[in-house]
Full PDB file with SEQRES, HELIX, SHEET, SSBOND, CRYST1, ORIGX, SCALE, CONECT and MASTER records, all heavy atoms in Angstrom:
SEQRES   1 A   40  ALA ARG LEU ARG PRO GLY GLY VAL ALA ALA PHE ASN ILE          
SEQRES   2 A   40  HIS HIS LEU THR GLY TYR HIS GLU HIS VAL ASN ALA ILE          
SEQRES   3 A   40  ALA GLU VAL PHE PRO ARG VAL TYR VAL VAL ARG ARG PRO          
SEQRES   4 A   40  GLY                                                          
HELIX    1 AA1 TYR A   19  VAL A   29  1                                  11    
CRYST1    1.000    1.000    1.000  90.00  90.00  90.00 P 1           1          
ORIGX1      1.000000  0.000000  0.000000        0.00000                         
ORIGX2      0.000000  1.000000  0.000000        0.00000                         
ORIGX3      0.000000  0.000000  1.000000        0.00000                         
SCALE1      1.000000  0.000000  0.000000        0.00000                         
SCALE2      0.000000  1.000000  0.000000        0.00000                         
SCALE3      0.000000  0.000000  1.000000        0.00000                         
ATOM      1  N   ALA A   1      44.169  18.225 -57.586  1.00  0.00           N  
ATOM      2  CA  ALA A   1      45.456  18.413 -56.867  1.00  0.00           C  
ATOM      3  C   ALA A   1      45.262  18.943 -55.428  1.00  0.00           C  
ATOM      4  O   ALA A   1      46.197  18.719 -54.529  1.00  0.00           O  
ATOM      5  CB  ALA A   1      46.415  19.271 -57.721  1.00  0.00           C  
ATOM      6  N   ARG A   2      44.173  19.639 -55.210  1.00  0.00           N  
ATOM      7  CA  ARG A   2      43.909  20.235 -53.868  1.00  0.00           C  
ATOM      8  C   ARG A   2      43.291  19.267 -52.973  1.00  0.00           C  
ATOM      9  O   ARG A   2      43.049  19.613 -51.781  1.00  0.00           O  
ATOM     10  CB  ARG A   2      43.120  21.528 -54.065  1.00  0.00           C  
ATOM     11  CG  ARG A   2      43.826  22.662 -54.690  1.00  0.00           C  
ATOM     12  CD  ARG A   2      44.996  23.241 -53.947  1.00  0.00           C  
ATOM     13  NE  ARG A   2      44.621  23.910 -52.723  1.00  0.00           N  
ATOM     14  CZ  ARG A   2      44.290  25.210 -52.594  1.00  0.00           C  
ATOM     15  NH1 ARG A   2      44.370  26.026 -53.758  1.00  0.00           N  
ATOM     16  NH2 ARG A   2      44.055  25.750 -51.477  1.00  0.00           N  
ATOM     17  N   LEU A   3      42.942  18.075 -53.410  1.00  0.00           N  
ATOM     18  CA  LEU A   3      42.334  17.093 -52.570  1.00  0.00           C  
ATOM     19  C   LEU A   3      43.374  16.341 -51.798  1.00  0.00           C  
ATOM     20  O   LEU A   3      44.446  16.032 -52.273  1.00  0.00           O  
ATOM     21  CB  LEU A   3      41.484  16.113 -53.367  1.00  0.00           C  
ATOM     22  CG  LEU A   3      40.117  16.642 -53.860  1.00  0.00           C  
ATOM     23  CD1 LEU A   3      39.559  15.640 -54.895  1.00  0.00           C  
ATOM     24  CD2 LEU A   3      39.208  16.935 -52.716  1.00  0.00           C  
ATOM     25  N   ARG A   4      43.097  15.990 -50.558  1.00  0.00           N  
ATOM     26  CA  ARG A   4      43.932  15.052 -49.818  1.00  0.00           C  
ATOM     27  C   ARG A   4      43.765  13.637 -50.369  1.00  0.00           C  
ATOM     28  O   ARG A   4      42.741  13.383 -51.007  1.00  0.00           O  
ATOM     29  CB  ARG A   4      43.598  15.074 -48.316  1.00  0.00           C  
ATOM     30  CG  ARG A   4      43.891  16.381 -47.609  1.00  0.00           C  
ATOM     31  CD  ARG A   4      43.346  16.376 -46.169  1.00  0.00           C  
ATOM     32  NE  ARG A   4      43.975  17.493 -45.444  1.00  0.00           N  
ATOM     33  CZ  ARG A   4      43.826  17.669 -44.108  1.00  0.00           C  
ATOM     34  NH1 ARG A   4      43.054  16.744 -43.433  1.00  0.00           N  
ATOM     35  NH2 ARG A   4      44.394  18.671 -43.484  1.00  0.00           N  
ATOM     36  N   PRO A   5      44.689  12.717 -50.046  1.00  0.00           N  
ATOM     37  CA  PRO A   5      44.504  11.292 -50.469  1.00  0.00           C  
ATOM     38  C   PRO A   5      43.212  10.788 -50.006  1.00  0.00           C  
ATOM     39  O   PRO A   5      42.840  10.916 -48.776  1.00  0.00           O  
ATOM     40  CB  PRO A   5      45.732  10.618 -49.861  1.00  0.00           C  
ATOM     41  CG  PRO A   5      46.779  11.705 -49.722  1.00  0.00           C  
ATOM     42  CD  PRO A   5      45.981  12.919 -49.401  1.00  0.00           C  
ATOM     43  N   GLY A   6      42.429  10.142 -50.902  1.00  0.00           N  
ATOM     44  CA  GLY A   6      41.113   9.644 -50.551  1.00  0.00           C  
ATOM     45  C   GLY A   6      39.999  10.693 -50.531  1.00  0.00           C  
ATOM     46  O   GLY A   6      38.891  10.355 -50.185  1.00  0.00           O  
ATOM     47  N   GLY A   7      40.327  11.910 -50.964  1.00  0.00           N  
ATOM     48  CA  GLY A   7      39.352  12.992 -50.921  1.00  0.00           C  
ATOM     49  C   GLY A   7      38.304  12.905 -52.046  1.00  0.00           C  
ATOM     50  O   GLY A   7      38.454  12.083 -53.007  1.00  0.00           O  
ATOM     51  N   VAL A   8      37.306  13.769 -52.052  1.00  0.00           N  
ATOM     52  CA  VAL A   8      36.250  13.783 -52.982  1.00  0.00           C  
ATOM     53  C   VAL A   8      35.908  15.197 -53.314  1.00  0.00           C  
ATOM     54  O   VAL A   8      35.812  16.071 -52.508  1.00  0.00           O  
ATOM     55  CB  VAL A   8      34.985  13.090 -52.399  1.00  0.00           C  
ATOM     56  CG1 VAL A   8      33.757  13.173 -53.376  1.00  0.00           C  
ATOM     57  CG2 VAL A   8      35.214  11.602 -52.085  1.00  0.00           C  
ATOM     58  N   ALA A   9      35.727  15.415 -54.627  1.00  0.00           N  
ATOM     59  CA  ALA A   9      35.097  16.678 -55.176  1.00  0.00           C  
ATOM     60  C   ALA A   9      33.650  16.408 -55.527  1.00  0.00           C  
ATOM     61  O   ALA A   9      33.308  15.420 -56.160  1.00  0.00           O  
ATOM     62  CB  ALA A   9      35.857  17.191 -56.342  1.00  0.00           C  
ATOM     63  N   ALA A  10      32.765  17.371 -55.130  1.00  0.00           N  
ATOM     64  CA  ALA A  10      31.291  17.219 -55.416  1.00  0.00           C  
ATOM     65  C   ALA A  10      30.971  18.424 -56.233  1.00  0.00           C  
ATOM     66  O   ALA A  10      31.118  19.560 -55.812  1.00  0.00           O  
ATOM     67  CB  ALA A  10      30.544  17.117 -54.130  1.00  0.00           C  
ATOM     68  N   PHE A  11      30.281  18.119 -57.371  1.00  0.00           N  
ATOM     69  CA  PHE A  11      29.821  19.161 -58.349  1.00  0.00           C  
ATOM     70  C   PHE A  11      28.342  19.180 -58.383  1.00  0.00           C  
ATOM     71  O   PHE A  11      27.685  18.210 -58.610  1.00  0.00           O  
ATOM     72  CB  PHE A  11      30.358  18.857 -59.738  1.00  0.00           C  
ATOM     73  CG  PHE A  11      31.892  18.811 -59.854  1.00  0.00           C  
ATOM     74  CD1 PHE A  11      32.568  17.713 -59.408  1.00  0.00           C  
ATOM     75  CD2 PHE A  11      32.570  19.885 -60.410  1.00  0.00           C  
ATOM     76  CE1 PHE A  11      33.965  17.575 -59.566  1.00  0.00           C  
ATOM     77  CE2 PHE A  11      34.015  19.801 -60.512  1.00  0.00           C  
ATOM     78  CZ  PHE A  11      34.691  18.696 -60.071  1.00  0.00           C  
ATOM     79  N   ASN A  12      27.757  20.434 -58.202  1.00  0.00           N  
ATOM     80  CA  ASN A  12      26.343  20.580 -58.368  1.00  0.00           C  
ATOM     81  C   ASN A  12      26.162  21.079 -59.776  1.00  0.00           C  
ATOM     82  O   ASN A  12      26.500  22.163 -60.136  1.00  0.00           O  
ATOM     83  CB  ASN A  12      25.894  21.717 -57.338  1.00  0.00           C  
ATOM     84  CG  ASN A  12      24.364  21.992 -57.567  1.00  0.00           C  
ATOM     85  OD1 ASN A  12      23.620  21.165 -58.038  1.00  0.00           O  
ATOM     86  ND2 ASN A  12      24.017  23.215 -57.137  1.00  0.00           N  
ATOM     87  N   ILE A  13      25.534  20.145 -60.583  1.00  0.00           N  
ATOM     88  CA  ILE A  13      25.386  20.438 -61.970  1.00  0.00           C  
ATOM     89  C   ILE A  13      23.939  20.410 -62.328  1.00  0.00           C  
ATOM     90  O   ILE A  13      23.312  19.334 -62.252  1.00  0.00           O  
ATOM     91  CB  ILE A  13      26.235  19.454 -62.861  1.00  0.00           C  
ATOM     92  CG1 ILE A  13      27.698  19.521 -62.489  1.00  0.00           C  
ATOM     93  CG2 ILE A  13      26.034  19.843 -64.316  1.00  0.00           C  
ATOM     94  CD1 ILE A  13      28.578  18.587 -63.241  1.00  0.00           C  
ATOM     95  N   HIS A  14      23.354  21.427 -62.885  1.00  0.00           N  
ATOM     96  CA  HIS A  14      22.002  21.438 -63.290  1.00  0.00           C  
ATOM     97  C   HIS A  14      21.974  20.771 -64.699  1.00  0.00           C  
ATOM     98  O   HIS A  14      22.791  20.902 -65.494  1.00  0.00           O  
ATOM     99  CB  HIS A  14      21.475  22.909 -63.483  1.00  0.00           C  
ATOM    100  CG  HIS A  14      20.041  22.978 -63.535  1.00  0.00           C  
ATOM    101  ND1 HIS A  14      19.299  22.684 -64.583  1.00  0.00           N  
ATOM    102  CD2 HIS A  14      19.137  23.420 -62.632  1.00  0.00           C  
ATOM    103  CE1 HIS A  14      17.999  22.856 -64.290  1.00  0.00           C  
ATOM    104  NE2 HIS A  14      17.918  23.385 -63.127  1.00  0.00           N  
ATOM    105  N   HIS A  15      20.867  19.907 -64.856  1.00  0.00           N  
ATOM    106  CA  HIS A  15      20.724  19.083 -66.022  1.00  0.00           C  
ATOM    107  C   HIS A  15      20.202  19.853 -67.209  1.00  0.00           C  
ATOM    108  O   HIS A  15      19.040  19.791 -67.618  1.00  0.00           O  
ATOM    109  CB  HIS A  15      19.791  17.940 -65.705  1.00  0.00           C  
ATOM    110  CG  HIS A  15      19.810  16.855 -66.704  1.00  0.00           C  
ATOM    111  ND1 HIS A  15      20.902  16.381 -67.351  1.00  0.00           N  
ATOM    112  CD2 HIS A  15      18.804  16.083 -67.204  1.00  0.00           C  
ATOM    113  CE1 HIS A  15      20.631  15.422 -68.186  1.00  0.00           C  
ATOM    114  NE2 HIS A  15      19.347  15.227 -68.123  1.00  0.00           N  
ATOM    115  N   LEU A  16      21.110  20.765 -67.673  1.00  0.00           N  
ATOM    116  CA  LEU A  16      20.741  21.576 -68.781  1.00  0.00           C  
ATOM    117  C   LEU A  16      21.750  21.371 -69.969  1.00  0.00           C  
ATOM    118  O   LEU A  16      22.616  20.404 -69.880  1.00  0.00           O  
ATOM    119  CB  LEU A  16      20.698  23.083 -68.446  1.00  0.00           C  
ATOM    120  CG  LEU A  16      19.554  23.526 -67.561  1.00  0.00           C  
ATOM    121  CD1 LEU A  16      19.730  24.968 -67.083  1.00  0.00           C  
ATOM    122  CD2 LEU A  16      18.184  23.375 -68.280  1.00  0.00           C  
ATOM    123  N   THR A  17      21.757  22.265 -70.856  1.00  0.00           N  
ATOM    124  CA  THR A  17      22.739  22.167 -72.037  1.00  0.00           C  
ATOM    125  C   THR A  17      24.062  22.034 -71.543  1.00  0.00           C  
ATOM    126  O   THR A  17      24.619  22.813 -70.708  1.00  0.00           O  
ATOM    127  CB  THR A  17      22.581  23.347 -72.944  1.00  0.00           C  
ATOM    128  OG1 THR A  17      21.210  23.519 -73.325  1.00  0.00           O  
ATOM    129  CG2 THR A  17      23.482  23.224 -74.176  1.00  0.00           C  
ATOM    130  N   GLY A  18      24.840  21.030 -72.070  1.00  0.00           N  
ATOM    131  CA  GLY A  18      26.232  20.891 -71.701  1.00  0.00           C  
ATOM    132  C   GLY A  18      26.549  19.957 -70.558  1.00  0.00           C  
ATOM    133  O   GLY A  18      27.678  19.750 -70.168  1.00  0.00           O  
ATOM    134  N   TYR A  19      25.463  19.347 -69.986  1.00  0.00           N  
ATOM    135  CA  TYR A  19      25.620  18.544 -68.869  1.00  0.00           C  
ATOM    136  C   TYR A  19      26.574  17.326 -69.129  1.00  0.00           C  
ATOM    137  O   TYR A  19      27.513  17.146 -68.278  1.00  0.00           O  
ATOM    138  CB  TYR A  19      24.234  18.028 -68.331  1.00  0.00           C  
ATOM    139  CG  TYR A  19      24.331  16.906 -67.295  1.00  0.00           C  
ATOM    140  CD1 TYR A  19      24.459  17.333 -65.938  1.00  0.00           C  
ATOM    141  CD2 TYR A  19      24.212  15.616 -67.583  1.00  0.00           C  
ATOM    142  CE1 TYR A  19      24.529  16.366 -64.933  1.00  0.00           C  
ATOM    143  CE2 TYR A  19      24.252  14.658 -66.593  1.00  0.00           C  
ATOM    144  CZ  TYR A  19      24.409  15.024 -65.272  1.00  0.00           C  
ATOM    145  OH  TYR A  19      24.441  14.099 -64.327  1.00  0.00           O  
ATOM    146  N   HIS A  20      26.361  16.589 -70.152  1.00  0.00           N  
ATOM    147  CA  HIS A  20      27.124  15.386 -70.362  1.00  0.00           C  
ATOM    148  C   HIS A  20      28.577  15.793 -70.688  1.00  0.00           C  
ATOM    149  O   HIS A  20      29.421  15.070 -70.243  1.00  0.00           O  
ATOM    150  CB  HIS A  20      26.475  14.571 -71.490  1.00  0.00           C  
ATOM    151  CG  HIS A  20      25.207  13.891 -71.118  1.00  0.00           C  
ATOM    152  ND1 HIS A  20      23.983  14.503 -71.215  1.00  0.00           N  
ATOM    153  CD2 HIS A  20      24.971  12.646 -70.611  1.00  0.00           C  
ATOM    154  CE1 HIS A  20      23.085  13.705 -70.891  1.00  0.00           C  
ATOM    155  NE2 HIS A  20      23.582  12.598 -70.419  1.00  0.00           N  
ATOM    156  N   GLU A  21      28.771  16.831 -71.408  1.00  0.00           N  
ATOM    157  CA  GLU A  21      30.129  17.270 -71.688  1.00  0.00           C  
ATOM    158  C   GLU A  21      30.883  17.652 -70.416  1.00  0.00           C  
ATOM    159  O   GLU A  21      32.054  17.328 -70.226  1.00  0.00           O  
ATOM    160  CB  GLU A  21      30.123  18.526 -72.689  1.00  0.00           C  
ATOM    161  CG  GLU A  21      29.600  18.182 -74.110  1.00  0.00           C  
ATOM    162  CD  GLU A  21      28.083  18.386 -74.202  1.00  0.00           C  
ATOM    163  OE1 GLU A  21      27.400  18.292 -73.172  1.00  0.00           O  
ATOM    164  OE2 GLU A  21      27.682  18.653 -75.289  1.00  0.00           O  
ATOM    165  N   HIS A  22      30.225  18.317 -69.507  1.00  0.00           N  
ATOM    166  CA  HIS A  22      30.832  18.675 -68.278  1.00  0.00           C  
ATOM    167  C   HIS A  22      31.211  17.454 -67.471  1.00  0.00           C  
ATOM    168  O   HIS A  22      32.325  17.323 -66.983  1.00  0.00           O  
ATOM    169  CB  HIS A  22      29.801  19.531 -67.459  1.00  0.00           C  
ATOM    170  CG  HIS A  22      30.437  20.215 -66.278  1.00  0.00           C  
ATOM    171  ND1 HIS A  22      29.712  21.189 -65.553  1.00  0.00           N  
ATOM    172  CD2 HIS A  22      31.632  20.144 -65.737  1.00  0.00           C  
ATOM    173  CE1 HIS A  22      30.541  21.609 -64.582  1.00  0.00           C  
ATOM    174  NE2 HIS A  22      31.660  21.003 -64.618  1.00  0.00           N  
ATOM    175  N   VAL A  23      30.365  16.459 -67.351  1.00  0.00           N  
ATOM    176  CA  VAL A  23      30.576  15.277 -66.499  1.00  0.00           C  
ATOM    177  C   VAL A  23      31.663  14.431 -67.184  1.00  0.00           C  
ATOM    178  O   VAL A  23      32.540  13.842 -66.554  1.00  0.00           O  
ATOM    179  CB  VAL A  23      29.329  14.524 -66.221  1.00  0.00           C  
ATOM    180  CG1 VAL A  23      29.727  13.388 -65.271  1.00  0.00           C  
ATOM    181  CG2 VAL A  23      28.315  15.379 -65.575  1.00  0.00           C  
ATOM    182  N   ASN A  24      31.648  14.364 -68.545  1.00  0.00           N  
ATOM    183  CA  ASN A  24      32.655  13.600 -69.277  1.00  0.00           C  
ATOM    184  C   ASN A  24      34.062  14.236 -69.066  1.00  0.00           C  
ATOM    185  O   ASN A  24      35.009  13.541 -68.899  1.00  0.00           O  
ATOM    186  CB  ASN A  24      32.441  13.597 -70.755  1.00  0.00           C  
ATOM    187  CG  ASN A  24      31.215  12.637 -71.099  1.00  0.00           C  
ATOM    188  OD1 ASN A  24      30.928  11.701 -70.339  1.00  0.00           O  
ATOM    189  ND2 ASN A  24      30.667  12.726 -72.255  1.00  0.00           N  
ATOM    190  N   ALA A  25      34.130  15.545 -68.971  1.00  0.00           N  
ATOM    191  CA  ALA A  25      35.417  16.266 -68.651  1.00  0.00           C  
ATOM    192  C   ALA A  25      35.932  15.837 -67.238  1.00  0.00           C  
ATOM    193  O   ALA A  25      37.002  15.612 -67.036  1.00  0.00           O  
ATOM    194  CB  ALA A  25      35.214  17.759 -68.839  1.00  0.00           C  
ATOM    195  N   ILE A  26      35.004  15.867 -66.314  1.00  0.00           N  
ATOM    196  CA  ILE A  26      35.299  15.485 -64.987  1.00  0.00           C  
ATOM    197  C   ILE A  26      35.884  14.024 -64.981  1.00  0.00           C  
ATOM    198  O   ILE A  26      36.894  13.721 -64.322  1.00  0.00           O  
ATOM    199  CB  ILE A  26      34.093  15.558 -63.998  1.00  0.00           C  
ATOM    200  CG1 ILE A  26      33.656  17.028 -63.828  1.00  0.00           C  
ATOM    201  CG2 ILE A  26      34.350  14.921 -62.577  1.00  0.00           C  
ATOM    202  CD1 ILE A  26      32.318  17.163 -63.124  1.00  0.00           C  
ATOM    203  N   ALA A  27      35.251  13.162 -65.722  1.00  0.00           N  
ATOM    204  CA  ALA A  27      35.659  11.748 -65.816  1.00  0.00           C  
ATOM    205  C   ALA A  27      37.013  11.646 -66.487  1.00  0.00           C  
ATOM    206  O   ALA A  27      37.695  10.618 -66.335  1.00  0.00           O  
ATOM    207  CB  ALA A  27      34.641  11.001 -66.547  1.00  0.00           C  
ATOM    208  N   GLU A  28      37.465  12.629 -67.269  1.00  0.00           N  
ATOM    209  CA  GLU A  28      38.761  12.616 -67.938  1.00  0.00           C  
ATOM    210  C   GLU A  28      39.867  12.819 -66.901  1.00  0.00           C  
ATOM    211  O   GLU A  28      41.003  12.375 -67.025  1.00  0.00           O  
ATOM    212  CB  GLU A  28      38.925  13.610 -68.988  1.00  0.00           C  
ATOM    213  CG  GLU A  28      38.279  13.163 -70.325  1.00  0.00           C  
ATOM    214  CD  GLU A  28      38.611  14.178 -71.448  1.00  0.00           C  
ATOM    215  OE1 GLU A  28      39.862  14.565 -71.465  1.00  0.00           O  
ATOM    216  OE2 GLU A  28      37.806  14.484 -72.255  1.00  0.00           O  
ATOM    217  N   VAL A  29      39.516  13.485 -65.754  1.00  0.00           N  
ATOM    218  CA  VAL A  29      40.554  13.884 -64.785  1.00  0.00           C  
ATOM    219  C   VAL A  29      40.491  13.052 -63.562  1.00  0.00           C  
ATOM    220  O   VAL A  29      41.589  12.691 -63.047  1.00  0.00           O  
ATOM    221  CB  VAL A  29      40.252  15.359 -64.394  1.00  0.00           C  
ATOM    222  CG1 VAL A  29      41.121  15.826 -63.210  1.00  0.00           C  
ATOM    223  CG2 VAL A  29      40.527  16.282 -65.568  1.00  0.00           C  
ATOM    224  N   PHE A  30      39.311  12.583 -63.115  1.00  0.00           N  
ATOM    225  CA  PHE A  30      39.239  11.841 -61.973  1.00  0.00           C  
ATOM    226  C   PHE A  30      39.040  10.346 -62.217  1.00  0.00           C  
ATOM    227  O   PHE A  30      38.292   9.992 -63.127  1.00  0.00           O  
ATOM    228  CB  PHE A  30      37.991  12.298 -61.050  1.00  0.00           C  
ATOM    229  CG  PHE A  30      38.183  13.666 -60.483  1.00  0.00           C  
ATOM    230  CD1 PHE A  30      37.935  14.776 -61.159  1.00  0.00           C  
ATOM    231  CD2 PHE A  30      38.666  13.807 -59.124  1.00  0.00           C  
ATOM    232  CE1 PHE A  30      38.129  16.101 -60.638  1.00  0.00           C  
ATOM    233  CE2 PHE A  30      38.822  15.082 -58.601  1.00  0.00           C  
ATOM    234  CZ  PHE A  30      38.583  16.215 -59.345  1.00  0.00           C  
ATOM    235  N   PRO A  31      39.700   9.495 -61.464  1.00  0.00           N  
ATOM    236  CA  PRO A  31      39.668   8.059 -61.776  1.00  0.00           C  
ATOM    237  C   PRO A  31      38.296   7.409 -61.542  1.00  0.00           C  
ATOM    238  O   PRO A  31      38.040   6.371 -62.232  1.00  0.00           O  
ATOM    239  CB  PRO A  31      40.768   7.473 -60.908  1.00  0.00           C  
ATOM    240  CG  PRO A  31      40.906   8.395 -59.800  1.00  0.00           C  
ATOM    241  CD  PRO A  31      40.651   9.737 -60.415  1.00  0.00           C  
ATOM    242  N   ARG A  32      37.520   7.849 -60.690  1.00  0.00           N  
ATOM    243  CA  ARG A  32      36.201   7.313 -60.446  1.00  0.00           C  
ATOM    244  C   ARG A  32      35.164   8.444 -60.224  1.00  0.00           C  
ATOM    245  O   ARG A  32      35.414   9.419 -59.560  1.00  0.00           O  
ATOM    246  CB  ARG A  32      36.207   6.545 -59.100  1.00  0.00           C  
ATOM    247  CG  ARG A  32      37.043   5.196 -59.172  1.00  0.00           C  
ATOM    248  CD  ARG A  32      36.387   4.086 -59.869  1.00  0.00           C  
ATOM    249  NE  ARG A  32      37.232   2.930 -59.916  1.00  0.00           N  
ATOM    250  CZ  ARG A  32      36.776   1.708 -60.341  1.00  0.00           C  
ATOM    251  NH1 ARG A  32      35.583   1.556 -60.761  1.00  0.00           N  
ATOM    252  NH2 ARG A  32      37.654   0.686 -60.282  1.00  0.00           N  
ATOM    253  N   VAL A  33      34.111   8.365 -61.009  1.00  0.00           N  
ATOM    254  CA  VAL A  33      33.083   9.390 -60.985  1.00  0.00           C  
ATOM    255  C   VAL A  33      31.719   8.735 -60.792  1.00  0.00           C  
ATOM    256  O   VAL A  33      31.365   7.694 -61.385  1.00  0.00           O  
ATOM    257  CB  VAL A  33      33.038  10.185 -62.301  1.00  0.00           C  
ATOM    258  CG1 VAL A  33      31.852  11.216 -62.282  1.00  0.00           C  
ATOM    259  CG2 VAL A  33      34.311  10.957 -62.453  1.00  0.00           C  
ATOM    260  N   TYR A  34      30.912   9.271 -59.830  1.00  0.00           N  
ATOM    261  CA  TYR A  34      29.601   8.736 -59.493  1.00  0.00           C  
ATOM    262  C   TYR A  34      28.600   9.867 -59.540  1.00  0.00           C  
ATOM    263  O   TYR A  34      28.919  11.097 -59.357  1.00  0.00           O  
ATOM    264  CB  TYR A  34      29.622   8.105 -58.057  1.00  0.00           C  
ATOM    265  CG  TYR A  34      30.417   6.852 -58.042  1.00  0.00           C  
ATOM    266  CD1 TYR A  34      31.796   6.881 -57.883  1.00  0.00           C  
ATOM    267  CD2 TYR A  34      29.757   5.569 -58.084  1.00  0.00           C  
ATOM    268  CE1 TYR A  34      32.518   5.725 -57.846  1.00  0.00           C  
ATOM    269  CE2 TYR A  34      30.487   4.394 -58.011  1.00  0.00           C  
ATOM    270  CZ  TYR A  34      31.917   4.512 -57.953  1.00  0.00           C  
ATOM    271  OH  TYR A  34      32.644   3.375 -57.899  1.00  0.00           O  
ATOM    272  N   VAL A  35      27.358   9.523 -59.785  1.00  0.00           N  
ATOM    273  CA  VAL A  35      26.328  10.538 -59.941  1.00  0.00           C  
ATOM    274  C   VAL A  35      25.234  10.216 -58.866  1.00  0.00           C  
ATOM    275  O   VAL A  35      24.856   9.051 -58.728  1.00  0.00           O  
ATOM    276  CB  VAL A  35      25.717  10.713 -61.325  1.00  0.00           C  
ATOM    277  CG1 VAL A  35      25.147   9.304 -61.775  1.00  0.00           C  
ATOM    278  CG2 VAL A  35      24.654  11.735 -61.434  1.00  0.00           C  
ATOM    279  N   VAL A  36      24.757  11.234 -58.149  1.00  0.00           N  
ATOM    280  CA  VAL A  36      23.654  11.128 -57.228  1.00  0.00           C  
ATOM    281  C   VAL A  36      22.469  11.787 -57.859  1.00  0.00           C  
ATOM    282  O   VAL A  36      22.375  12.982 -57.969  1.00  0.00           O  
ATOM    283  CB  VAL A  36      24.030  11.814 -55.823  1.00  0.00           C  
ATOM    284  CG1 VAL A  36      22.949  11.598 -54.828  1.00  0.00           C  
ATOM    285  CG2 VAL A  36      25.396  11.344 -55.335  1.00  0.00           C  
ATOM    286  N   ARG A  37      21.463  10.909 -58.216  1.00  0.00           N  
ATOM    287  CA  ARG A  37      20.325  11.361 -58.942  1.00  0.00           C  
ATOM    288  C   ARG A  37      19.110  11.316 -58.014  1.00  0.00           C  
ATOM    289  O   ARG A  37      18.534  10.240 -57.800  1.00  0.00           O  
ATOM    290  CB  ARG A  37      20.029  10.537 -60.192  1.00  0.00           C  
ATOM    291  CG  ARG A  37      21.074  10.611 -61.276  1.00  0.00           C  
ATOM    292  CD  ARG A  37      20.584   9.788 -62.460  1.00  0.00           C  
ATOM    293  NE  ARG A  37      21.479   9.954 -63.630  1.00  0.00           N  
ATOM    294  CZ  ARG A  37      22.430   9.133 -63.921  1.00  0.00           C  
ATOM    295  NH1 ARG A  37      22.699   8.106 -63.094  1.00  0.00           N  
ATOM    296  NH2 ARG A  37      23.197   9.334 -64.935  1.00  0.00           N  
ATOM    297  N   ARG A  38      18.738  12.425 -57.443  1.00  0.00           N  
ATOM    298  CA  ARG A  38      17.539  12.562 -56.603  1.00  0.00           C  
ATOM    299  C   ARG A  38      16.344  12.524 -57.504  1.00  0.00           C  
ATOM    300  O   ARG A  38      16.255  13.380 -58.401  1.00  0.00           O  
ATOM    301  CB  ARG A  38      17.552  13.711 -55.752  1.00  0.00           C  
ATOM    302  CG  ARG A  38      18.685  13.724 -54.667  1.00  0.00           C  
ATOM    303  CD  ARG A  38      18.553  14.986 -53.735  1.00  0.00           C  
ATOM    304  NE  ARG A  38      17.406  14.909 -52.878  1.00  0.00           N  
ATOM    305  CZ  ARG A  38      16.331  15.597 -53.144  1.00  0.00           C  
ATOM    306  NH1 ARG A  38      16.200  16.476 -54.117  1.00  0.00           N  
ATOM    307  NH2 ARG A  38      15.312  15.608 -52.269  1.00  0.00           N  
ATOM    308  N   PRO A  39      15.345  11.711 -57.260  1.00  0.00           N  
ATOM    309  CA  PRO A  39      14.159  11.663 -58.086  1.00  0.00           C  
ATOM    310  C   PRO A  39      13.461  13.042 -58.078  1.00  0.00           C  
ATOM    311  O   PRO A  39      13.333  13.703 -57.062  1.00  0.00           O  
ATOM    312  CB  PRO A  39      13.280  10.602 -57.471  1.00  0.00           C  
ATOM    313  CG  PRO A  39      14.276   9.722 -56.730  1.00  0.00           C  
ATOM    314  CD  PRO A  39      15.318  10.638 -56.300  1.00  0.00           C  
ATOM    315  N   GLY A  40      13.057  13.500 -59.310  1.00  0.00           N  
ATOM    316  CA  GLY A  40      12.346  14.791 -59.362  1.00  0.00           C  
ATOM    317  C   GLY A  40      13.203  16.005 -59.344  1.00  0.00           C  
ATOM    318  O   GLY A  40      12.680  17.123 -59.346  1.00  0.00           O  
TER     319      GLY A  40                                                      
MASTER        0    0    0    1    0    0    0    6  318    1    0    4          
END                                                                             
């Protein structure tokens, strides 16, 4: 709700316990979700 039209929220999430649950929750709220996976 605090984003302007066309805005983006970026979450820094460490790949530990609860990662998938966290991102799935984000996907319940936001219509499009993408992941930036830097190798290593």
